[in-house]
Amino acid sequence: MRCELLCKVGRHSDAAKSLRQLCLEMPKDVDLKLKLAEIEVLLKNINEAKKLIDQVIFDRPNDLQAKELQAVALASEEKWDAALATITL
């Protein structure tokens, strides 16, 4: 996938732009949303990442990757208790 190649060469902004377009074309693709959320976290676009993560968790409430990413997003905002609560089983 073009987006993954862009990420590997450090062009995260371009990868995010490409993924945003794909998400518009395939709005029900939860995996695309999750990948975009990962990149948004890397780009420090935490609010956008959290919106995407919430959508993924709504569709797949037991998705461990989404919950882990949610914890990372919360930790980046120094919301330590919320981050820990997200990943505590």
PDB file of N, CA and C in Angstrom:
ATOM      1  N   MET A   1       0.847  -1.174   0.000  1.00  0.00           N
ATOM      2  CA  MET A   1       0.000   0.000   0.000  1.00  0.00           C
ATOM      3  C   MET A   1       0.896   1.242   0.000  1.00  0.00           C
ATOM      4  N   ARG A   2       0.529   2.194  -0.781  1.00  0.00           N
ATOM      5  CA  ARG A   2       1.289   3.435  -0.928  1.00  0.00           C
ATOM      6  C   ARG A   2       1.507   4.124   0.417  1.00  0.00           C
ATOM      7  N   CYS A   3       0.503   4.109   1.260  1.00  0.00           N
ATOM      8  CA  CYS A   3       0.580   4.784   2.557  1.00  0.00           C
ATOM      9  C   CYS A   3       1.686   4.186   3.424  1.00  0.00           C
ATOM     10  N   GLU A   4       1.819   2.876   3.387  1.00  0.00           N
ATOM     11  CA  GLU A   4       2.842   2.228   4.201  1.00  0.00           C
ATOM     12  C   GLU A   4       4.235   2.586   3.709  1.00  0.00           C
ATOM     13  N   LEU A   5       4.399   2.668   2.406  1.00  0.00           N
ATOM     14  CA  LEU A   5       5.685   3.072   1.844  1.00  0.00           C
ATOM     15  C   LEU A   5       6.018   4.504   2.262  1.00  0.00           C
ATOM     16  N   LEU A   6       5.030   5.377   2.202  1.00  0.00           N
ATOM     17  CA  LEU A   6       5.249   6.763   2.618  1.00  0.00           C
ATOM     18  C   LEU A   6       5.671   6.835   4.084  1.00  0.00           C
ATOM     19  N   CYS A   7       5.057   6.021   4.923  1.00  0.00           N
ATOM     20  CA  CYS A   7       5.425   5.997   6.346  1.00  0.00           C
ATOM     21  C   CYS A   7       6.854   5.506   6.531  1.00  0.00           C
ATOM     22  N   LYS A   8       7.215   4.470   5.786  1.00  0.00           N
ATOM     23  CA  LYS A   8       8.558   3.899   5.931  1.00  0.00           C
ATOM     24  C   LYS A   8       9.655   4.888   5.569  1.00  0.00           C
ATOM     25  N   VAL A   9       9.358   5.805   4.678  1.00  0.00           N
ATOM     26  CA  VAL A   9      10.367   6.804   4.306  1.00  0.00           C
ATOM     27  C   VAL A   9      10.169   8.117   5.067  1.00  0.00           C
ATOM     28  N   GLY A  10       9.317   8.083   6.094  1.00  0.00           N
ATOM     29  CA  GLY A  10       9.149   9.237   6.967  1.00  0.00           C
ATOM     30  C   GLY A  10       8.226  10.327   6.458  1.00  0.00           C
ATOM     31  N   ARG A  11       7.455  10.028   5.440  1.00  0.00           N
ATOM     32  CA  ARG A  11       6.534  11.032   4.889  1.00  0.00           C
ATOM     33  C   ARG A  11       5.136  10.812   5.476  1.00  0.00           C
ATOM     34  N   HIS A  12       5.042  10.995   6.784  1.00  0.00           N
ATOM     35  CA  HIS A  12       3.795  10.722   7.496  1.00  0.00           C
ATOM     36  C   HIS A  12       2.656  11.648   7.079  1.00  0.00           C
ATOM     37  N   SER A  13       2.958  12.900   6.826  1.00  0.00           N
ATOM     38  CA  SER A  13       1.903  13.837   6.405  1.00  0.00           C
ATOM     39  C   SER A  13       1.293  13.411   5.076  1.00  0.00           C
ATOM     40  N   ASP A  14       2.146  12.978   4.151  1.00  0.00           N
ATOM     41  CA  ASP A  14       1.644  12.509   2.857  1.00  0.00           C
ATOM     42  C   ASP A  14       0.842  11.223   3.014  1.00  0.00           C
ATOM     43  N   ALA A  15       1.306  10.349   3.903  1.00  0.00           N
ATOM     44  CA  ALA A  15       0.576   9.107   4.161  1.00  0.00           C
ATOM     45  C   ALA A  15      -0.801   9.412   4.744  1.00  0.00           C
ATOM     46  N   ALA A  16      -0.857  10.359   5.677  1.00  0.00           N
ATOM     47  CA  ALA A  16      -2.137  10.738   6.282  1.00  0.00           C
ATOM     48  C   ALA A  16      -3.082  11.305   5.230  1.00  0.00           C
ATOM     49  N   LYS A  17      -2.556  12.137   4.363  1.00  0.00           N
ATOM     50  CA  LYS A  17      -3.383  12.720   3.300  1.00  0.00           C
ATOM     51  C   LYS A  17      -3.963  11.624   2.407  1.00  0.00           C
ATOM     52  N   SER A  18      -3.139  10.676   2.046  1.00  0.00           N
ATOM     53  CA  SER A  18      -3.584   9.564   1.206  1.00  0.00           C
ATOM     54  C   SER A  18      -4.639   8.717   1.923  1.00  0.00           C
ATOM     55  N   LEU A  19      -4.402   8.441   3.195  1.00  0.00           N
ATOM     56  CA  LEU A  19      -5.362   7.647   3.971  1.00  0.00           C
ATOM     57  C   LEU A  19      -6.676   8.385   4.188  1.00  0.00           C
ATOM     58  N   ARG A  20      -6.615   9.690   4.378  1.00  0.00           N
ATOM     59  CA  ARG A  20      -7.858  10.464   4.521  1.00  0.00           C
ATOM     60  C   ARG A  20      -8.722  10.313   3.269  1.00  0.00           C
ATOM     61  N   GLN A  21      -8.075  10.371   2.115  1.00  0.00           N
ATOM     62  CA  GLN A  21      -8.808  10.205   0.857  1.00  0.00           C
ATOM     63  C   GLN A  21      -9.412   8.804   0.773  1.00  0.00           C
ATOM     64  N   LEU A  22      -8.636   7.797   1.138  1.00  0.00           N
ATOM     65  CA  LEU A  22      -9.148   6.424   1.117  1.00  0.00           C
ATOM     66  C   LEU A  22     -10.320   6.260   2.084  1.00  0.00           C
ATOM     67  N   CYS A  23     -10.242   6.903   3.236  1.00  0.00           N
ATOM     68  CA  CYS A  23     -11.342   6.826   4.213  1.00  0.00           C
ATOM     69  C   CYS A  23     -12.613   7.465   3.666  1.00  0.00           C
ATOM     70  N   LEU A  24     -12.462   8.512   2.866  1.00  0.00           N
ATOM     71  CA  LEU A  24     -13.633   9.126   2.232  1.00  0.00           C
ATOM     72  C   LEU A  24     -14.241   8.185   1.196  1.00  0.00           C
ATOM     73  N   GLU A  25     -13.382   7.475   0.487  1.00  0.00           N
ATOM     74  CA  GLU A  25     -13.848   6.549  -0.544  1.00  0.00           C
ATOM     75  C   GLU A  25     -14.422   5.268   0.047  1.00  0.00           C
ATOM     76  N   MET A  26     -13.896   4.864   1.208  1.00  0.00           N
ATOM     77  CA  MET A  26     -14.334   3.625   1.859  1.00  0.00           C
ATOM     78  C   MET A  26     -14.627   3.900   3.335  1.00  0.00           C
ATOM     79  N   PRO A  27     -15.705   4.625   3.622  1.00  0.00           N
ATOM     80  CA  PRO A  27     -15.960   5.073   4.996  1.00  0.00           C
ATOM     81  C   PRO A  27     -16.231   3.956   6.005  1.00  0.00           C
ATOM     82  N   LYS A  28     -16.538   2.766   5.542  1.00  0.00           N
ATOM     83  CA  LYS A  28     -16.825   1.672   6.476  1.00  0.00           C
ATOM     84  C   LYS A  28     -15.596   0.817   6.774  1.00  0.00           C
ATOM     85  N   ASP A  29     -14.462   1.152   6.169  1.00  0.00           N
ATOM     86  CA  ASP A  29     -13.242   0.372   6.371  1.00  0.00           C
ATOM     87  C   ASP A  29     -12.584   0.772   7.690  1.00  0.00           C
ATOM     88  N   VAL A  30     -12.801  -0.046   8.694  1.00  0.00           N
ATOM     89  CA  VAL A  30     -12.313   0.241  10.040  1.00  0.00           C
ATOM     90  C   VAL A  30     -10.786   0.167  10.097  1.00  0.00           C
ATOM     91  N   ASP A  31     -10.190  -0.737   9.337  1.00  0.00           N
ATOM     92  CA  ASP A  31      -8.733  -0.865   9.345  1.00  0.00           C
ATOM     93  C   ASP A  31      -8.055   0.392   8.810  1.00  0.00           C
ATOM     94  N   LEU A  32      -8.643   1.004   7.801  1.00  0.00           N
ATOM     95  CA  LEU A  32      -8.098   2.263   7.279  1.00  0.00           C
ATOM     96  C   LEU A  32      -8.146   3.348   8.347  1.00  0.00           C
ATOM     97  N   LYS A  33      -9.268   3.417   9.066  1.00  0.00           N
ATOM     98  CA  LYS A  33      -9.404   4.417  10.132  1.00  0.00           C
ATOM     99  C   LYS A  33      -8.358   4.206  11.216  1.00  0.00           C
ATOM    100  N   LEU A  34      -8.115   2.948  11.543  1.00  0.00           N
ATOM    101  CA  LEU A  34      -7.139   2.646  12.584  1.00  0.00           C
ATOM    102  C   LEU A  34      -5.729   3.030  12.135  1.00  0.00           C
ATOM    103  N   LYS A  35      -5.388   2.733  10.899  1.00  0.00           N
ATOM    104  CA  LYS A  35      -4.071   3.104  10.369  1.00  0.00           C
ATOM    105  C   LYS A  35      -3.914   4.626  10.342  1.00  0.00           C
ATOM    106  N   LEU A  36      -4.964   5.317   9.911  1.00  0.00           N
ATOM    107  CA  LEU A  36      -4.919   6.780   9.898  1.00  0.00           C
ATOM    108  C   LEU A  36      -4.763   7.321  11.321  1.00  0.00           C
ATOM    109  N   ALA A  37      -5.456   6.724  12.270  1.00  0.00           N
ATOM    110  CA  ALA A  37      -5.334   7.158  13.668  1.00  0.00           C
ATOM    111  C   ALA A  37      -3.898   7.000  14.166  1.00  0.00           C
ATOM    112  N   GLU A  38      -3.242   5.899  13.794  1.00  0.00           N
ATOM    113  CA  GLU A  38      -1.846   5.690  14.186  1.00  0.00           C
ATOM    114  C   GLU A  38      -0.965   6.824  13.668  1.00  0.00           C
ATOM    115  N   ILE A  39      -1.176   7.185  12.417  1.00  0.00           N
ATOM    116  CA  ILE A  39      -0.368   8.240  11.814  1.00  0.00           C
ATOM    117  C   ILE A  39      -0.695   9.593  12.443  1.00  0.00           C
ATOM    118  N   GLU A  40      -1.971   9.824  12.742  1.00  0.00           N
ATOM    119  CA  GLU A  40      -2.349  11.089  13.386  1.00  0.00           C
ATOM    120  C   GLU A  40      -1.668  11.220  14.752  1.00  0.00           C
ATOM    121  N   VAL A  41      -1.532  10.115  15.468  1.00  0.00           N
ATOM    122  CA  VAL A  41      -0.815  10.155  16.747  1.00  0.00           C
ATOM    123  C   VAL A  41       0.647  10.523  16.504  1.00  0.00           C
ATOM    124  N   LEU A  42       1.264   9.904  15.505  1.00  0.00           N
ATOM    125  CA  LEU A  42       2.659  10.230  15.171  1.00  0.00           C
ATOM    126  C   LEU A  42       2.831  11.706  14.829  1.00  0.00           C
ATOM    127  N   LEU A  43       1.822  12.258  14.158  1.00  0.00           N
ATOM    128  CA  LEU A  43       1.869  13.663  13.752  1.00  0.00           C
ATOM    129  C   LEU A  43       1.423  14.615  14.859  1.00  0.00           C
ATOM    130  N   LYS A  44       1.081  14.048  16.015  1.00  0.00           N
ATOM    131  CA  LYS A  44       0.610  14.825  17.176  1.00  0.00           C
ATOM    132  C   LYS A  44      -0.750  15.474  16.941  1.00  0.00           C
ATOM    133  N   ASN A  45      -1.519  14.927  16.022  1.00  0.00           N
ATOM    134  CA  ASN A  45      -2.899  15.375  15.796  1.00  0.00           C
ATOM    135  C   ASN A  45      -3.807  14.522  16.680  1.00  0.00           C
ATOM    136  N   ILE A  46      -3.684  14.735  17.966  1.00  0.00           N
ATOM    137  CA  ILE A  46      -4.308  13.844  18.937  1.00  0.00           C
ATOM    138  C   ILE A  46      -5.831  13.905  18.887  1.00  0.00           C
ATOM    139  N   ASN A  47      -6.406  15.077  18.745  1.00  0.00           N
ATOM    140  CA  ASN A  47      -7.872  15.163  18.698  1.00  0.00           C
ATOM    141  C   ASN A  47      -8.430  14.395  17.510  1.00  0.00           C
ATOM    142  N   GLU A  48      -7.791  14.534  16.359  1.00  0.00           N
ATOM    143  CA  GLU A  48      -8.242  13.799  15.176  1.00  0.00           C
ATOM    144  C   GLU A  48      -8.051  12.300  15.385  1.00  0.00           C
ATOM    145  N   ALA A  49      -6.936  11.923  15.975  1.00  0.00           N
ATOM    146  CA  ALA A  49      -6.674  10.507  16.246  1.00  0.00           C
ATOM    147  C   ALA A  49      -7.735   9.935  17.180  1.00  0.00           C
ATOM    148  N   LYS A  50      -8.076  10.682  18.229  1.00  0.00           N
ATOM    149  CA  LYS A  50      -9.070  10.181  19.185  1.00  0.00           C
ATOM    150  C   LYS A  50     -10.440  10.002  18.536  1.00  0.00           C
ATOM    151  N   LYS A  51     -10.810  10.894  17.625  1.00  0.00           N
ATOM    152  CA  LYS A  51     -12.091  10.738  16.918  1.00  0.00           C
ATOM    153  C   LYS A  51     -12.103   9.442  16.114  1.00  0.00           C
ATOM    154  N   LEU A  52     -11.015   9.191  15.418  1.00  0.00           N
ATOM    155  CA  LEU A  52     -10.920   7.970  14.614  1.00  0.00           C
ATOM    156  C   LEU A  52     -10.923   6.727  15.497  1.00  0.00           C
ATOM    157  N   ILE A  53     -10.182   6.782  16.585  1.00  0.00           N
ATOM    158  CA  ILE A  53     -10.123   5.646  17.508  1.00  0.00           C
ATOM    159  C   ILE A  53     -11.501   5.365  18.085  1.00  0.00           C
ATOM    160  N   ASP A  54     -12.226   6.407  18.446  1.00  0.00           N
ATOM    161  CA  ASP A  54     -13.587   6.227  18.968  1.00  0.00           C
ATOM    162  C   ASP A  54     -14.483   5.532  17.943  1.00  0.00           C
ATOM    163  N   GLN A  55     -14.334   5.892  16.671  1.00  0.00           N
ATOM    164  CA  GLN A  55     -15.121   5.248  15.614  1.00  0.00           C
ATOM    165  C   GLN A  55     -14.769   3.768  15.499  1.00  0.00           C
ATOM    166  N   VAL A  56     -13.476   3.468  15.585  1.00  0.00           N
ATOM    167  CA  VAL A  56     -13.039   2.072  15.496  1.00  0.00           C
ATOM    168  C   VAL A  56     -13.588   1.277  16.672  1.00  0.00           C
ATOM    169  N   ILE A  57     -13.465   1.825  17.876  1.00  0.00           N
ATOM    170  CA  ILE A  57     -13.940   1.112  19.068  1.00  0.00           C
ATOM    171  C   ILE A  57     -15.457   0.959  19.047  1.00  0.00           C
ATOM    172  N   PHE A  58     -16.165   1.914  18.472  1.00  0.00           N
ATOM    173  CA  PHE A  58     -17.617   1.785  18.342  1.00  0.00           C
ATOM    174  C   PHE A  58     -17.953   0.571  17.475  1.00  0.00           C
ATOM    175  N   ASP A  59     -17.210   0.414  16.377  1.00  0.00           N
ATOM    176  CA  ASP A  59     -17.457  -0.708  15.465  1.00  0.00           C
ATOM    177  C   ASP A  59     -16.884  -2.023  15.977  1.00  0.00           C
ATOM    178  N   ARG A  60     -15.760  -1.941  16.686  1.00  0.00           N
ATOM    179  CA  ARG A  60     -15.097  -3.150  17.197  1.00  0.00           C
ATOM    180  C   ARG A  60     -14.674  -2.911  18.646  1.00  0.00           C
ATOM    181  N   PRO A  61     -15.618  -3.047  19.573  1.00  0.00           N
ATOM    182  CA  PRO A  61     -15.358  -2.685  20.971  1.00  0.00           C
ATOM    183  C   PRO A  61     -14.240  -3.479  21.648  1.00  0.00           C
ATOM    184  N   ASN A  62     -13.898  -4.634  21.134  1.00  0.00           N
ATOM    185  CA  ASN A  62     -12.856  -5.446  21.761  1.00  0.00           C
ATOM    186  C   ASN A  62     -11.537  -5.405  21.003  1.00  0.00           C
ATOM    187  N   ASP A  63     -11.362  -4.436  20.132  1.00  0.00           N
ATOM    188  CA  ASP A  63     -10.145  -4.330  19.324  1.00  0.00           C
ATOM    189  C   ASP A  63      -8.987  -3.859  20.206  1.00  0.00           C
ATOM    190  N   LEU A  64      -8.059  -4.765  20.484  1.00  0.00           N
ATOM    191  CA  LEU A  64      -6.952  -4.440  21.384  1.00  0.00           C
ATOM    192  C   LEU A  64      -6.002  -3.406  20.793  1.00  0.00           C
ATOM    193  N   GLN A  65      -5.806  -3.446  19.492  1.00  0.00           N
ATOM    194  CA  GLN A  65      -4.931  -2.466  18.852  1.00  0.00           C
ATOM    195  C   GLN A  65      -5.514  -1.057  18.999  1.00  0.00           C
ATOM    196  N   ALA A  66      -6.821  -0.937  18.833  1.00  0.00           N
ATOM    197  CA  ALA A  66      -7.474   0.367  18.982  1.00  0.00           C
ATOM    198  C   ALA A  66      -7.384   0.854  20.425  1.00  0.00           C
ATOM    199  N   LYS A  67      -7.574  -0.059  21.369  1.00  0.00           N
ATOM    200  CA  LYS A  67      -7.496   0.335  22.780  1.00  0.00           C
ATOM    201  C   LYS A  67      -6.074   0.745  23.162  1.00  0.00           C
ATOM    202  N   GLU A  68      -5.092   0.032  22.625  1.00  0.00           N
ATOM    203  CA  GLU A  68      -3.703   0.399  22.892  1.00  0.00           C
ATOM    204  C   GLU A  68      -3.391   1.783  22.315  1.00  0.00           C
ATOM    205  N   LEU A  69      -3.851   2.027  21.106  1.00  0.00           N
ATOM    206  CA  LEU A  69      -3.628   3.326  20.482  1.00  0.00           C
ATOM    207  C   LEU A  69      -4.359   4.431  21.242  1.00  0.00           C
ATOM    208  N   GLN A  70      -5.542   4.111  21.754  1.00  0.00           N
ATOM    209  CA  GLN A  70      -6.283   5.074  22.572  1.00  0.00           C
ATOM    210  C   GLN A  70      -5.469   5.425  23.824  1.00  0.00           C
ATOM    211  N   ALA A  71      -4.855   4.417  24.429  1.00  0.00           N
ATOM    212  CA  ALA A  71      -4.022   4.658  25.610  1.00  0.00           C
ATOM    213  C   ALA A  71      -2.823   5.539  25.266  1.00  0.00           C
ATOM    214  N   VAL A  72      -2.217   5.300  24.117  1.00  0.00           N
ATOM    215  CA  VAL A  72      -1.080   6.121  23.683  1.00  0.00           C
ATOM    216  C   VAL A  72      -1.519   7.570  23.476  1.00  0.00           C
ATOM    217  N   ALA A  73      -2.671   7.744  22.840  1.00  0.00           N
ATOM    218  CA  ALA A  73      -3.186   9.099  22.601  1.00  0.00           C
ATOM    219  C   ALA A  73      -3.456   9.814  23.927  1.00  0.00           C
ATOM    220  N   LEU A  74      -4.066   9.112  24.857  1.00  0.00           N
ATOM    221  CA  LEU A  74      -4.347   9.710  26.168  1.00  0.00           C
ATOM    222  C   LEU A  74      -3.053  10.017  26.924  1.00  0.00           C
ATOM    223  N   ALA A  75      -2.092   9.117  26.850  1.00  0.00           N
ATOM    224  CA  ALA A  75      -0.811   9.340  27.523  1.00  0.00           C
ATOM    225  C   ALA A  75      -0.080  10.541  26.925  1.00  0.00           C
ATOM    226  N   SER A  76      -0.234  10.744  25.628  1.00  0.00           N
ATOM    227  CA  SER A  76       0.425  11.896  25.000  1.00  0.00           C
ATOM    228  C   SER A  76      -0.145  13.218  25.512  1.00  0.00           C
ATOM    229  N   GLU A  77      -1.347  13.157  26.054  1.00  0.00           N
ATOM    230  CA  GLU A  77      -1.973  14.336  26.671  1.00  0.00           C
ATOM    231  C   GLU A  77      -1.747  14.350  28.186  1.00  0.00           C
ATOM    232  N   GLU A  78      -0.917  13.414  28.649  1.00  0.00           N
ATOM    233  CA  GLU A  78      -0.607  13.250  30.068  1.00  0.00           C
ATOM    234  C   GLU A  78      -1.839  12.910  30.903  1.00  0.00           C
ATOM    235  N   LYS A  79      -2.765  12.204  30.302  1.00  0.00           N
ATOM    236  CA  LYS A  79      -3.947  11.701  31.010  1.00  0.00           C
ATOM    237  C   LYS A  79      -3.643  10.259  31.416  1.00  0.00           C
ATOM    238  N   TRP A  80      -2.742  10.142  32.391  1.00  0.00           N
ATOM    239  CA  TRP A  80      -2.177   8.858  32.754  1.00  0.00           C
ATOM    240  C   TRP A  80      -3.215   7.875  33.283  1.00  0.00           C
ATOM    241  N   ASP A  81      -4.096   8.317  34.172  1.00  0.00           N
ATOM    242  CA  ASP A  81      -5.095   7.411  34.741  1.00  0.00           C
ATOM    243  C   ASP A  81      -6.038   6.887  33.665  1.00  0.00           C
ATOM    244  N   ALA A  82      -6.464   7.764  32.782  1.00  0.00           N
ATOM    245  CA  ALA A  82      -7.355   7.344  31.698  1.00  0.00           C
ATOM    246  C   ALA A  82      -6.637   6.382  30.756  1.00  0.00           C
ATOM    247  N   ALA A  83      -5.368   6.648  30.484  1.00  0.00           N
ATOM    248  CA  ALA A  83      -4.594   5.764  29.607  1.00  0.00           C
ATOM    249  C   ALA A  83      -4.468   4.377  30.219  1.00  0.00           C
ATOM    250  N   LEU A  84      -4.155   4.327  31.506  1.00  0.00           N
ATOM    251  CA  LEU A  84      -4.032   3.034  32.179  1.00  0.00           C
ATOM    252  C   LEU A  84      -5.368   2.308  32.241  1.00  0.00           C
ATOM    253  N   ALA A  85      -6.437   3.039  32.492  1.00  0.00           N
ATOM    254  CA  ALA A  85      -7.765   2.425  32.558  1.00  0.00           C
ATOM    255  C   ALA A  85      -8.160   1.822  31.217  1.00  0.00           C
ATOM    256  N   THR A  86      -7.701   2.418  30.140  1.00  0.00           N
ATOM    257  CA  THR A  86      -8.031   1.932  28.804  1.00  0.00           C
ATOM    258  C   THR A  86      -7.456   0.554  28.552  1.00  0.00           C
ATOM    259  N   ILE A  87      -6.249   0.308  29.066  1.00  0.00           N
ATOM    260  CA  ILE A  87      -5.592  -0.965  28.762  1.00  0.00           C
ATOM    261  C   ILE A  87      -5.667  -1.975  29.892  1.00  0.00           C
ATOM    262  N   THR A  88      -6.243  -1.595  31.026  1.00  0.00           N
ATOM    263  CA  THR A  88      -6.384  -2.518  32.139  1.00  0.00           C
ATOM    264  C   THR A  88      -7.527  -3.477  31.861  1.00  0.00           C
ATOM    265  N   LEU A  89      -7.233  -4.740  32.015  1.00  0.00           N
ATOM    266  CA  LEU A  89      -8.266  -5.761  31.751  1.00  0.00           C
ATOM    267  C   LEU A  89      -9.065  -6.069  32.984  1.00  0.00           C
TER     268      LEU A  89
END
